[in-house]
Amino acid sequence: MSTPMQSRTTAAYFVQAVLSFAVSAAALAVGIANLPVGPWTRAFLGVGLLYTVTSSFTLAKVIRDRQESTEIVTRVDQARLEKLLAEHDPFKVDGI
């Protein structure tokens, strides 16, 4: 019927995204560890870092799920349209 969905990202792009995330999270963790503040302040900033990271993953998943559901609905609608067009005979006269 239709071609399967293809990935829009390359392996290099995936590696770049993972490395970028790892470097930024590590740099922020080192920065928090080296701040000249008390342990409670460091702990608060560390929990803030973890909350930001987990909420970023959640947001990315929600966006991806919404996009995938839209693509699936679009593909189902396209398949229905293709079926209707395949079954339609423009030369058929009803009632004869």
N, C-alpha and C. Protein backbone atom coordinates (compact mmCIF):
# COMPACT_ATOMS: atom_id res chain seq x y z
N MET A 1 0.82 -1.18 0.00
CA MET A 1 0.00 0.00 0.00
C MET A 1 0.87 1.25 0.00
N SER A 2 1.53 1.52 1.11
CA SER A 2 2.42 2.67 1.17
C SER A 2 3.75 2.22 1.77
N THR A 3 4.74 3.02 1.58
CA THR A 3 6.07 2.66 2.06
C THR A 3 6.14 2.84 3.57
N PRO A 4 6.95 2.02 4.25
CA PRO A 4 7.09 2.17 5.70
C PRO A 4 7.80 3.48 6.04
N MET A 5 7.52 3.95 7.25
CA MET A 5 8.14 5.20 7.70
C MET A 5 9.65 5.01 7.85
N GLN A 6 10.39 5.99 7.39
CA GLN A 6 11.83 5.92 7.49
C GLN A 6 12.31 6.88 8.57
N SER A 7 13.42 6.53 9.20
CA SER A 7 13.99 7.39 10.23
C SER A 7 14.53 8.66 9.59
N ARG A 8 14.29 9.78 10.24
CA ARG A 8 14.73 11.06 9.70
C ARG A 8 16.08 11.49 10.26
N THR A 9 16.60 10.72 11.20
CA THR A 9 17.88 11.09 11.79
C THR A 9 18.95 10.09 11.40
N THR A 10 20.16 10.58 11.31
CA THR A 10 21.29 9.72 11.01
C THR A 10 21.95 9.28 12.30
N ALA A 11 22.83 8.31 12.21
CA ALA A 11 23.56 7.84 13.39
C ALA A 11 24.46 8.95 13.94
N ALA A 12 25.05 9.73 13.06
CA ALA A 12 25.92 10.82 13.51
C ALA A 12 25.13 11.86 14.30
N TYR A 13 23.94 12.17 13.86
CA TYR A 13 23.10 13.13 14.56
C TYR A 13 22.72 12.59 15.94
N PHE A 14 22.39 11.31 16.01
CA PHE A 14 22.05 10.69 17.28
C PHE A 14 23.23 10.75 18.25
N VAL A 15 24.42 10.40 17.76
CA VAL A 15 25.63 10.44 18.61
C VAL A 15 25.90 11.87 19.07
N GLN A 16 25.75 12.83 18.18
CA GLN A 16 25.97 14.23 18.55
C GLN A 16 24.99 14.66 19.64
N ALA A 17 23.74 14.27 19.53
CA ALA A 17 22.74 14.64 20.53
C ALA A 17 23.06 14.01 21.88
N VAL A 18 23.45 12.74 21.87
CA VAL A 18 23.78 12.06 23.13
C VAL A 18 25.01 12.69 23.77
N LEU A 19 26.05 12.94 22.98
CA LEU A 19 27.26 13.56 23.52
C LEU A 19 26.99 14.97 24.03
N SER A 20 26.21 15.72 23.31
CA SER A 20 25.87 17.08 23.74
C SER A 20 25.15 17.06 25.08
N PHE A 21 24.20 16.14 25.22
CA PHE A 21 23.49 16.02 26.48
C PHE A 21 24.43 15.61 27.61
N ALA A 22 25.27 14.62 27.36
CA ALA A 22 26.19 14.14 28.39
C ALA A 22 27.18 15.23 28.82
N VAL A 23 27.74 15.94 27.87
CA VAL A 23 28.70 17.00 28.20
C VAL A 23 28.03 18.12 28.98
N SER A 24 26.85 18.54 28.56
CA SER A 24 26.18 19.64 29.27
C SER A 24 25.77 19.23 30.68
N ALA A 25 25.26 18.01 30.84
CA ALA A 25 24.87 17.55 32.18
C ALA A 25 26.09 17.40 33.07
N ALA A 26 27.18 16.86 32.54
CA ALA A 26 28.40 16.71 33.33
C ALA A 26 28.99 18.07 33.71
N ALA A 27 28.99 19.00 32.77
CA ALA A 27 29.53 20.33 33.07
C ALA A 27 28.71 21.01 34.15
N LEU A 28 27.40 20.89 34.08
CA LEU A 28 26.56 21.50 35.10
C LEU A 28 26.75 20.82 36.45
N ALA A 29 26.88 19.50 36.46
CA ALA A 29 27.13 18.78 37.72
C ALA A 29 28.46 19.18 38.33
N VAL A 30 29.51 19.32 37.52
CA VAL A 30 30.82 19.76 38.03
C VAL A 30 30.72 21.19 38.55
N GLY A 31 29.99 22.04 37.83
CA GLY A 31 29.81 23.42 38.29
C GLY A 31 29.10 23.48 39.62
N ILE A 32 28.07 22.67 39.79
CA ILE A 32 27.35 22.65 41.08
C ILE A 32 28.26 22.12 42.18
N ALA A 33 29.05 21.10 41.88
CA ALA A 33 29.95 20.52 42.89
C ALA A 33 31.03 21.51 43.32
N ASN A 34 31.45 22.40 42.45
CA ASN A 34 32.54 23.33 42.76
C ASN A 34 32.06 24.70 43.24
N LEU A 35 30.76 24.88 43.41
CA LEU A 35 30.27 26.15 43.91
C LEU A 35 30.72 26.37 45.35
N PRO A 36 31.07 27.60 45.70
CA PRO A 36 31.47 27.88 47.08
C PRO A 36 30.24 28.12 47.98
N VAL A 37 29.41 27.11 48.09
CA VAL A 37 28.21 27.20 48.92
C VAL A 37 28.12 25.96 49.80
N GLY A 38 27.15 25.98 50.69
CA GLY A 38 26.97 24.85 51.61
C GLY A 38 26.39 23.63 50.93
N PRO A 39 26.43 22.49 51.64
CA PRO A 39 25.94 21.24 51.05
C PRO A 39 24.43 21.26 50.76
N TRP A 40 23.65 21.96 51.57
CA TRP A 40 22.21 22.03 51.32
C TRP A 40 21.91 22.77 50.02
N THR A 41 22.66 23.81 49.75
CA THR A 41 22.46 24.55 48.51
C THR A 41 22.86 23.70 47.33
N ARG A 42 24.00 22.99 47.46
CA ARG A 42 24.41 22.08 46.40
C ARG A 42 23.38 20.99 46.16
N ALA A 43 22.85 20.43 47.23
CA ALA A 43 21.83 19.38 47.10
C ALA A 43 20.59 19.92 46.40
N PHE A 44 20.18 21.14 46.76
CA PHE A 44 19.02 21.74 46.12
C PHE A 44 19.26 21.93 44.63
N LEU A 45 20.43 22.43 44.26
CA LEU A 45 20.74 22.62 42.84
C LEU A 45 20.85 21.28 42.12
N GLY A 46 21.38 20.26 42.78
CA GLY A 46 21.46 18.93 42.18
C GLY A 46 20.08 18.34 41.92
N VAL A 47 19.17 18.50 42.88
CA VAL A 47 17.81 18.02 42.68
C VAL A 47 17.14 18.81 41.55
N GLY A 48 17.42 20.10 41.48
CA GLY A 48 16.89 20.91 40.38
C GLY A 48 17.41 20.43 39.04
N LEU A 49 18.68 20.06 38.99
CA LEU A 49 19.26 19.52 37.76
C LEU A 49 18.57 18.21 37.37
N LEU A 50 18.39 17.31 38.32
CA LEU A 50 17.72 16.03 38.03
C LEU A 50 16.28 16.25 37.58
N TYR A 51 15.58 17.18 38.22
CA TYR A 51 14.20 17.46 37.83
C TYR A 51 14.14 18.02 36.41
N THR A 52 15.06 18.90 36.07
CA THR A 52 15.09 19.46 34.73
C THR A 52 15.37 18.38 33.69
N VAL A 53 16.31 17.50 33.98
CA VAL A 53 16.64 16.43 33.04
C VAL A 53 15.46 15.48 32.84
N THR A 54 14.82 15.05 33.92
CA THR A 54 13.71 14.12 33.78
C THR A 54 12.52 14.77 33.10
N SER A 55 12.26 16.03 33.40
CA SER A 55 11.13 16.69 32.73
C SER A 55 11.44 16.92 31.25
N SER A 56 12.71 17.12 30.89
CA SER A 56 13.08 17.25 29.48
C SER A 56 12.82 15.94 28.73
N PHE A 57 13.18 14.81 29.35
CA PHE A 57 12.91 13.51 28.72
C PHE A 57 11.41 13.29 28.57
N THR A 58 10.64 13.65 29.60
CA THR A 58 9.20 13.48 29.54
C THR A 58 8.60 14.33 28.43
N LEU A 59 9.03 15.58 28.33
CA LEU A 59 8.53 16.46 27.28
C LEU A 59 8.88 15.92 25.89
N ALA A 60 10.10 15.45 25.72
CA ALA A 60 10.49 14.88 24.42
C ALA A 60 9.65 13.67 24.08
N LYS A 61 9.36 12.82 25.06
CA LYS A 61 8.53 11.64 24.82
C LYS A 61 7.11 12.02 24.44
N VAL A 62 6.54 13.01 25.13
CA VAL A 62 5.18 13.44 24.83
C VAL A 62 5.09 14.01 23.42
N ILE A 63 6.07 14.82 23.05
CA ILE A 63 6.09 15.39 21.70
C ILE A 63 6.22 14.29 20.65
N ARG A 64 7.11 13.33 20.91
CA ARG A 64 7.29 12.23 19.96
C ARG A 64 6.03 11.39 19.84
N ASP A 65 5.39 11.08 20.97
CA ASP A 65 4.16 10.28 20.94
C ASP A 65 3.05 11.00 20.19
N ARG A 66 2.93 12.30 20.38
CA ARG A 66 1.90 13.06 19.68
C ARG A 66 2.16 13.05 18.18
N GLN A 67 3.43 13.21 17.80
CA GLN A 67 3.77 13.20 16.38
C GLN A 67 3.51 11.83 15.77
N GLU A 68 3.88 10.76 16.47
CA GLU A 68 3.64 9.41 15.95
C GLU A 68 2.15 9.12 15.81
N SER A 69 1.35 9.56 16.78
CA SER A 69 -0.09 9.29 16.67
C SER A 69 -0.69 10.06 15.51
N THR A 70 -0.20 11.26 15.26
CA THR A 70 -0.68 12.04 14.11
C THR A 70 -0.30 11.34 12.81
N GLU A 71 0.91 10.81 12.73
CA GLU A 71 1.34 10.11 11.52
C GLU A 71 0.53 8.84 11.29
N ILE A 72 0.19 8.13 12.37
CA ILE A 72 -0.59 6.90 12.23
C ILE A 72 -1.99 7.22 11.74
N VAL A 73 -2.61 8.26 12.31
CA VAL A 73 -3.95 8.65 11.88
C VAL A 73 -3.91 9.08 10.42
N THR A 74 -2.89 9.82 10.03
CA THR A 74 -2.76 10.26 8.65
C THR A 74 -2.60 9.06 7.72
N ARG A 75 -1.82 8.07 8.12
CA ARG A 75 -1.62 6.89 7.29
C ARG A 75 -2.91 6.08 7.17
N VAL A 76 -3.68 5.97 8.25
CA VAL A 76 -4.95 5.25 8.21
C VAL A 76 -5.92 5.98 7.29
N ASP A 77 -6.00 7.31 7.41
CA ASP A 77 -6.88 8.08 6.53
C ASP A 77 -6.46 7.93 5.07
N GLN A 78 -5.17 7.92 4.82
CA GLN A 78 -4.66 7.75 3.46
C GLN A 78 -5.03 6.37 2.92
N ALA A 79 -4.93 5.35 3.75
CA ALA A 79 -5.29 3.99 3.31
C ALA A 79 -6.78 3.90 3.00
N ARG A 80 -7.62 4.53 3.81
CA ARG A 80 -9.06 4.53 3.53
C ARG A 80 -9.36 5.24 2.22
N LEU A 81 -8.70 6.37 2.00
CA LEU A 81 -8.91 7.11 0.75
C LEU A 81 -8.47 6.28 -0.45
N GLU A 82 -7.33 5.61 -0.34
CA GLU A 82 -6.85 4.76 -1.44
C GLU A 82 -7.83 3.63 -1.72
N LYS A 83 -8.41 3.05 -0.66
CA LYS A 83 -9.38 1.98 -0.84
C LYS A 83 -10.64 2.50 -1.54
N LEU A 84 -11.14 3.66 -1.11
CA LEU A 84 -12.32 4.24 -1.75
C LEU A 84 -12.07 4.55 -3.22
N LEU A 85 -10.90 5.09 -3.51
CA LEU A 85 -10.58 5.42 -4.90
C LEU A 85 -10.42 4.16 -5.74
N ALA A 86 -9.89 3.09 -5.15
CA ALA A 86 -9.71 1.84 -5.90
C ALA A 86 -11.06 1.18 -6.18
N GLU A 87 -12.02 1.33 -5.27
CA GLU A 87 -13.32 0.71 -5.44
C GLU A 87 -14.27 1.55 -6.29
N HIS A 88 -13.96 2.80 -6.49
CA HIS A 88 -14.86 3.70 -7.22
C HIS A 88 -14.76 3.46 -8.72
N ASP A 89 -15.93 3.30 -9.34
CA ASP A 89 -16.00 3.14 -10.80
C ASP A 89 -16.77 4.34 -11.36
N PRO A 90 -16.07 5.28 -12.02
CA PRO A 90 -16.75 6.48 -12.49
C PRO A 90 -17.75 6.21 -13.62
N PHE A 91 -17.65 5.06 -14.26
CA PHE A 91 -18.55 4.75 -15.39
C PHE A 91 -19.76 3.93 -14.98
N LYS A 92 -19.84 3.56 -13.71
CA LYS A 92 -20.97 2.77 -13.22
C LYS A 92 -22.18 3.70 -13.02
N VAL A 93 -23.32 3.28 -13.54
CA VAL A 93 -24.54 4.06 -13.39
C VAL A 93 -25.45 3.32 -12.44
N ASP A 94 -25.88 4.00 -11.38
CA ASP A 94 -26.76 3.38 -10.41
C ASP A 94 -28.18 3.32 -10.95
N GLY A 95 -28.89 2.25 -10.64
CA GLY A 95 -30.30 2.13 -11.00
C GLY A 95 -30.55 1.49 -12.34
N ILE A 96 -29.53 1.04 -13.01
CA ILE A 96 -29.76 0.39 -14.32
C ILE A 96 -29.52 -1.09 -14.19
